[in-house]
Amino acid sequence: MASNDFYFLRGVKIQCQTGSILLDDQQISTGQPGEVTGVREAGTGYYTRKMEKLSSIIEVLNQRFGTDFTPADKLFFDQLEEDMLGDAEVVKSARSNTMENFAYAFEDVFMSKVIDRMGQNDKIFVKLMDDPEFRKVVKEWISRLVYEKARG
């Protein structure tokens, strides 16, 4: 196929060189690309994740339990959530059960994931303390990130 080939299919023009798609006769005549959107609803539930402000999550925990967590402490909870989402059985259970029934399966795995996460964080701490080269690489990486974010 040559780089200037065009294909027309029911008012759709595909230009192979740039990969652009023109959707209707008006767009074809003006040369303006259209917009293709994905299916948003197709008979399945449409899920929008409710996002809580970081400060409000930490604030609720601190008020309710008398803790003094900072926004940096939320990382542990984020890691725990990712660990759970990475467990195929947990995801399968969530997809095939009501929240009430899912809670039973979740209960069985939750504490083991908490313990696993503590062990993983402990391994990082020990590695940082025992391996100067590892510590140097992590320190340089984090210092660059902090510097760039602090400077906006």
C-alpha atoms as a PDB file:
ATOM      1  CA  MET A   1       0.000   0.000   0.000  1.00  0.00           C
ATOM      2  CA  ALA A   2       1.443   3.376  -0.985  1.00  0.00           C
ATOM      3  CA  SER A   3       1.650   6.108   1.643  1.00  0.00           C
ATOM      4  CA  ASN A   4      -0.949   8.256  -0.148  1.00  0.00           C
ATOM      5  CA  ASP A   5      -3.637   5.568  -0.526  1.00  0.00           C
ATOM      6  CA  PHE A   6      -7.113   6.395   0.751  1.00  0.00           C
ATOM      7  CA  TYR A   7     -10.027   4.072   1.397  1.00  0.00           C
ATOM      8  CA  PHE A   8     -13.671   5.112   1.388  1.00  0.00           C
ATOM      9  CA  LEU A   9     -16.247   3.033   3.210  1.00  0.00           C
ATOM     10  CA  ARG A  10     -19.744   4.448   3.671  1.00  0.00           C
ATOM     11  CA  GLY A  11     -18.546   8.009   4.144  1.00  0.00           C
ATOM     12  CA  VAL A  12     -15.466   7.065   6.154  1.00  0.00           C
ATOM     13  CA  LYS A  13     -12.099   8.116   4.761  1.00  0.00           C
ATOM     14  CA  ILE A  14      -8.978   6.541   6.206  1.00  0.00           C
ATOM     15  CA  GLN A  15      -5.691   8.182   5.319  1.00  0.00           C
ATOM     16  CA  CYS A  16      -2.954   5.639   5.869  1.00  0.00           C
ATOM     17  CA  GLN A  17      -0.001   8.021   6.043  1.00  0.00           C
ATOM     18  CA  THR A  18      -1.204   9.879   9.135  1.00  0.00           C
ATOM     19  CA  GLY A  19      -3.650   7.361  10.467  1.00  0.00           C
ATOM     20  CA  SER A  20      -6.445   9.946  10.574  1.00  0.00           C
ATOM     21  CA  ILE A  21     -10.087   8.954  10.164  1.00  0.00           C
ATOM     22  CA  LEU A  22     -12.700  11.288   8.709  1.00  0.00           C
ATOM     23  CA  LEU A  23     -16.202  10.226   9.672  1.00  0.00           C
ATOM     24  CA  ASP A  24     -18.724  11.971   7.456  1.00  0.00           C
ATOM     25  CA  ASP A  25     -19.015  13.877   4.183  1.00  0.00           C
ATOM     26  CA  GLN A  26     -18.648  17.282   5.886  1.00  0.00           C
ATOM     27  CA  GLN A  27     -15.509  16.190   7.676  1.00  0.00           C
ATOM     28  CA  ILE A  28     -14.175  14.687   4.444  1.00  0.00           C
ATOM     29  CA  SER A  29     -14.797  17.921   2.492  1.00  0.00           C
ATOM     30  CA  THR A  30     -13.244  20.149   5.199  1.00  0.00           C
ATOM     31  CA  GLY A  31     -10.486  17.730   6.110  1.00  0.00           C
ATOM     32  CA  GLN A  32     -11.284  18.062   9.829  1.00  0.00           C
ATOM     33  CA  PRO A  33     -10.873  14.829  11.778  1.00  0.00           C
ATOM     34  CA  GLY A  34     -13.802  13.577  13.830  1.00  0.00           C
ATOM     35  CA  GLU A  35     -13.931  12.053  17.248  1.00  0.00           C
ATOM     36  CA  VAL A  36     -14.582   8.414  17.981  1.00  0.00           C
ATOM     37  CA  THR A  37     -15.742   7.612  21.484  1.00  0.00           C
ATOM     38  CA  GLY A  38     -15.925   4.222  23.078  1.00  0.00           C
ATOM     39  CA  VAL A  39     -19.062   2.495  24.278  1.00  0.00           C
ATOM     40  CA  ARG A  40     -20.010   3.805  27.704  1.00  0.00           C
ATOM     41  CA  GLU A  41     -23.091   1.709  28.371  1.00  0.00           C
ATOM     42  CA  ALA A  42     -23.794  -1.653  26.801  1.00  0.00           C
ATOM     43  CA  GLY A  43     -26.162  -3.409  29.139  1.00  0.00           C
ATOM     44  CA  THR A  44     -23.611  -3.685  31.911  1.00  0.00           C
ATOM     45  CA  GLY A  45     -23.308  -1.481  34.940  1.00  0.00           C
ATOM     46  CA  TYR A  46     -21.365   1.737  34.465  1.00  0.00           C
ATOM     47  CA  TYR A  47     -18.995   2.222  37.372  1.00  0.00           C
ATOM     48  CA  THR A  48     -17.583   5.530  38.488  1.00  0.00           C
ATOM     49  CA  ARG A  49     -15.077   5.197  41.293  1.00  0.00           C
ATOM     50  CA  LYS A  50     -15.867   7.582  44.093  1.00  0.00           C
ATOM     51  CA  MET A  51     -12.645   9.296  45.008  1.00  0.00           C
ATOM     52  CA  GLU A  52     -12.199  10.622  48.490  1.00  0.00           C
ATOM     53  CA  LYS A  53      -9.803  13.434  49.137  1.00  0.00           C
ATOM     54  CA  LEU A  54      -6.652  12.077  50.686  1.00  0.00           C
ATOM     55  CA  SER A  55      -6.922  14.489  53.564  1.00  0.00           C
ATOM     56  CA  SER A  56     -10.473  13.401  54.395  1.00  0.00           C
ATOM     57  CA  ILE A  57      -9.545   9.696  54.531  1.00  0.00           C
ATOM     58  CA  ILE A  58      -6.611  10.390  56.824  1.00  0.00           C
ATOM     59  CA  GLU A  59      -8.703  12.859  58.816  1.00  0.00           C
ATOM     60  CA  VAL A  60     -11.452  10.287  59.425  1.00  0.00           C
ATOM     61  CA  LEU A  61      -8.951   7.689  60.608  1.00  0.00           C
ATOM     62  CA  ASN A  62      -7.189  10.183  62.861  1.00  0.00           C
ATOM     63  CA  GLN A  63     -10.417  11.460  64.418  1.00  0.00           C
ATOM     64  CA  ARG A  64     -12.004   8.064  64.890  1.00  0.00           C
ATOM     65  CA  PHE A  65      -8.959   6.203  66.174  1.00  0.00           C
ATOM     66  CA  GLY A  66      -6.853   8.969  67.707  1.00  0.00           C
ATOM     67  CA  THR A  67      -4.013   8.373  65.268  1.00  0.00           C
ATOM     68  CA  ASP A  68      -1.764  11.005  63.758  1.00  0.00           C
ATOM     69  CA  PHE A  69      -1.402   9.697  60.199  1.00  0.00           C
ATOM     70  CA  THR A  70      -0.088  12.092  57.597  1.00  0.00           C
ATOM     71  CA  PRO A  71      -0.805  12.034  53.861  1.00  0.00           C
ATOM     72  CA  ALA A  72       2.462  10.110  53.423  1.00  0.00           C
ATOM     73  CA  ASP A  73       1.024   7.298  55.564  1.00  0.00           C
ATOM     74  CA  LYS A  74      -1.724   6.738  53.025  1.00  0.00           C
ATOM     75  CA  LEU A  75       0.841   4.980  50.842  1.00  0.00           C
ATOM     76  CA  PHE A  76       0.541   1.891  53.032  1.00  0.00           C
ATOM     77  CA  PHE A  77      -3.212   1.756  52.425  1.00  0.00           C
ATOM     78  CA  ASP A  78      -2.713   2.329  48.697  1.00  0.00           C
ATOM     79  CA  GLN A  79      -0.219  -0.541  48.614  1.00  0.00           C
ATOM     80  CA  LEU A  80      -2.617  -2.793  50.471  1.00  0.00           C
ATOM     81  CA  GLU A  81      -5.396  -1.959  48.013  1.00  0.00           C
ATOM     82  CA  GLU A  82      -3.102  -2.756  45.069  1.00  0.00           C
ATOM     83  CA  ASP A  83      -2.088  -6.048  46.685  1.00  0.00           C
ATOM     84  CA  MET A  84      -5.743  -7.005  46.996  1.00  0.00           C
ATOM     85  CA  LEU A  85      -6.500  -5.977  43.409  1.00  0.00           C
ATOM     86  CA  GLY A  86      -3.531  -8.043  42.260  1.00  0.00           C
ATOM     87  CA  ASP A  87      -5.012 -11.200  43.786  1.00  0.00           C
ATOM     88  CA  ALA A  88      -6.994 -12.997  41.065  1.00  0.00           C
ATOM     89  CA  GLU A  89      -9.206 -14.810  43.574  1.00  0.00           C
ATOM     90  CA  VAL A  90     -10.157 -11.584  45.347  1.00  0.00           C
ATOM     91  CA  VAL A  91     -11.013  -9.900  42.043  1.00  0.00           C
ATOM     92  CA  LYS A  92     -12.997 -12.932  40.906  1.00  0.00           C
ATOM     93  CA  SER A  93     -14.911 -12.946  44.171  1.00  0.00           C
ATOM     94  CA  ALA A  94     -15.671  -9.215  43.900  1.00  0.00           C
ATOM     95  CA  ARG A  95     -16.944  -9.600  40.351  1.00  0.00           C
ATOM     96  CA  SER A  96     -19.229 -12.516  41.132  1.00  0.00           C
ATOM     97  CA  ASN A  97     -20.699 -11.573  44.514  1.00  0.00           C
ATOM     98  CA  THR A  98     -22.675  -8.909  46.268  1.00  0.00           C
ATOM     99  CA  MET A  99     -20.715  -6.651  48.600  1.00  0.00           C
ATOM    100  CA  GLU A 100     -22.093  -8.578  51.584  1.00  0.00           C
ATOM    101  CA  ASN A 101     -20.945 -11.949  50.231  1.00  0.00           C
ATOM    102  CA  PHE A 102     -17.647 -10.503  49.013  1.00  0.00           C
ATOM    103  CA  ALA A 103     -16.916  -9.333  52.570  1.00  0.00           C
ATOM    104  CA  TYR A 104     -16.677 -12.980  53.694  1.00  0.00           C
ATOM    105  CA  ALA A 105     -14.047 -13.844  51.089  1.00  0.00           C
ATOM    106  CA  PHE A 106     -12.228 -10.557  51.725  1.00  0.00           C
ATOM    107  CA  GLU A 107     -12.057 -11.286  55.452  1.00  0.00           C
ATOM    108  CA  ASP A 108     -10.086 -14.464  54.778  1.00  0.00           C
ATOM    109  CA  VAL A 109      -7.378 -12.694  52.771  1.00  0.00           C
ATOM    110  CA  PHE A 110      -7.151  -9.269  54.386  1.00  0.00           C
ATOM    111  CA  MET A 111      -4.851 -10.026  57.318  1.00  0.00           C
ATOM    112  CA  SER A 112      -2.505 -12.166  55.231  1.00  0.00           C
ATOM    113  CA  LYS A 113      -2.126  -9.246  52.787  1.00  0.00           C
ATOM    114  CA  VAL A 114      -1.464  -6.849  55.684  1.00  0.00           C
ATOM    115  CA  ILE A 115       1.260  -9.158  57.015  1.00  0.00           C
ATOM    116  CA  ASP A 116       2.733  -9.639  53.516  1.00  0.00           C
ATOM    117  CA  ARG A 117       2.840  -5.868  52.993  1.00  0.00           C
ATOM    118  CA  MET A 118       4.601  -5.329  56.313  1.00  0.00           C
ATOM    119  CA  GLY A 119       7.188  -7.916  55.295  1.00  0.00           C
ATOM    120  CA  GLN A 120       7.738  -6.260  51.925  1.00  0.00           C
ATOM    121  CA  ASN A 121       8.210  -2.836  53.529  1.00  0.00           C
ATOM    122  CA  ASP A 122      10.591  -4.393  56.059  1.00  0.00           C
ATOM    123  CA  LYS A 123      12.628  -5.890  53.201  1.00  0.00           C
ATOM    124  CA  ILE A 124      12.967  -2.450  51.618  1.00  0.00           C
ATOM    125  CA  PHE A 125      14.044  -0.924  54.924  1.00  0.00           C
ATOM    126  CA  VAL A 126      16.652  -3.623  55.528  1.00  0.00           C
ATOM    127  CA  LYS A 127      17.928  -3.317  51.937  1.00  0.00           C
ATOM    128  CA  LEU A 128      18.255   0.469  52.326  1.00  0.00           C
ATOM    129  CA  MET A 129      20.218   0.061  55.552  1.00  0.00           C
ATOM    130  CA  ASP A 130      22.442  -2.828  54.424  1.00  0.00           C
ATOM    131  CA  ASP A 131      23.233  -2.041  50.772  1.00  0.00           C
ATOM    132  CA  PRO A 132      25.013   1.290  50.184  1.00  0.00           C
ATOM    133  CA  GLU A 133      24.672   1.072  46.385  1.00  0.00           C
ATOM    134  CA  PHE A 134      20.936   0.396  46.619  1.00  0.00           C
ATOM    135  CA  ARG A 135      20.585   3.266  49.105  1.00  0.00           C
ATOM    136  CA  LYS A 136      22.514   5.581  46.753  1.00  0.00           C
ATOM    137  CA  VAL A 137      20.284   4.770  43.760  1.00  0.00           C
ATOM    138  CA  VAL A 138      17.058   5.188  45.784  1.00  0.00           C
ATOM    139  CA  LYS A 139      18.312   8.411  47.384  1.00  0.00           C
ATOM    140  CA  GLU A 140      19.235   9.922  44.005  1.00  0.00           C
ATOM    141  CA  TRP A 141      15.928   8.858  42.467  1.00  0.00           C
ATOM    142  CA  ILE A 142      13.809  10.258  45.313  1.00  0.00           C
ATOM    143  CA  SER A 143      15.863  13.454  45.579  1.00  0.00           C
ATOM    144  CA  ARG A 144      15.286  14.119  41.860  1.00  0.00           C
ATOM    145  CA  LEU A 145      11.535  13.523  42.230  1.00  0.00           C
ATOM    146  CA  VAL A 146      11.265  15.762  45.302  1.00  0.00           C
ATOM    147  CA  TYR A 147      13.339  18.471  43.659  1.00  0.00           C
ATOM    148  CA  GLU A 148      11.252  18.486  40.453  1.00  0.00           C
ATOM    149  CA  LYS A 149       7.921  18.437  42.305  1.00  0.00           C
ATOM    150  CA  ALA A 150       8.999  21.122  44.758  1.00  0.00           C
ATOM    151  CA  ARG A 151      10.006  23.406  41.902  1.00  0.00           C
ATOM    152  CA  GLY A 152       6.672  22.839  40.168  1.00  0.00           C
END
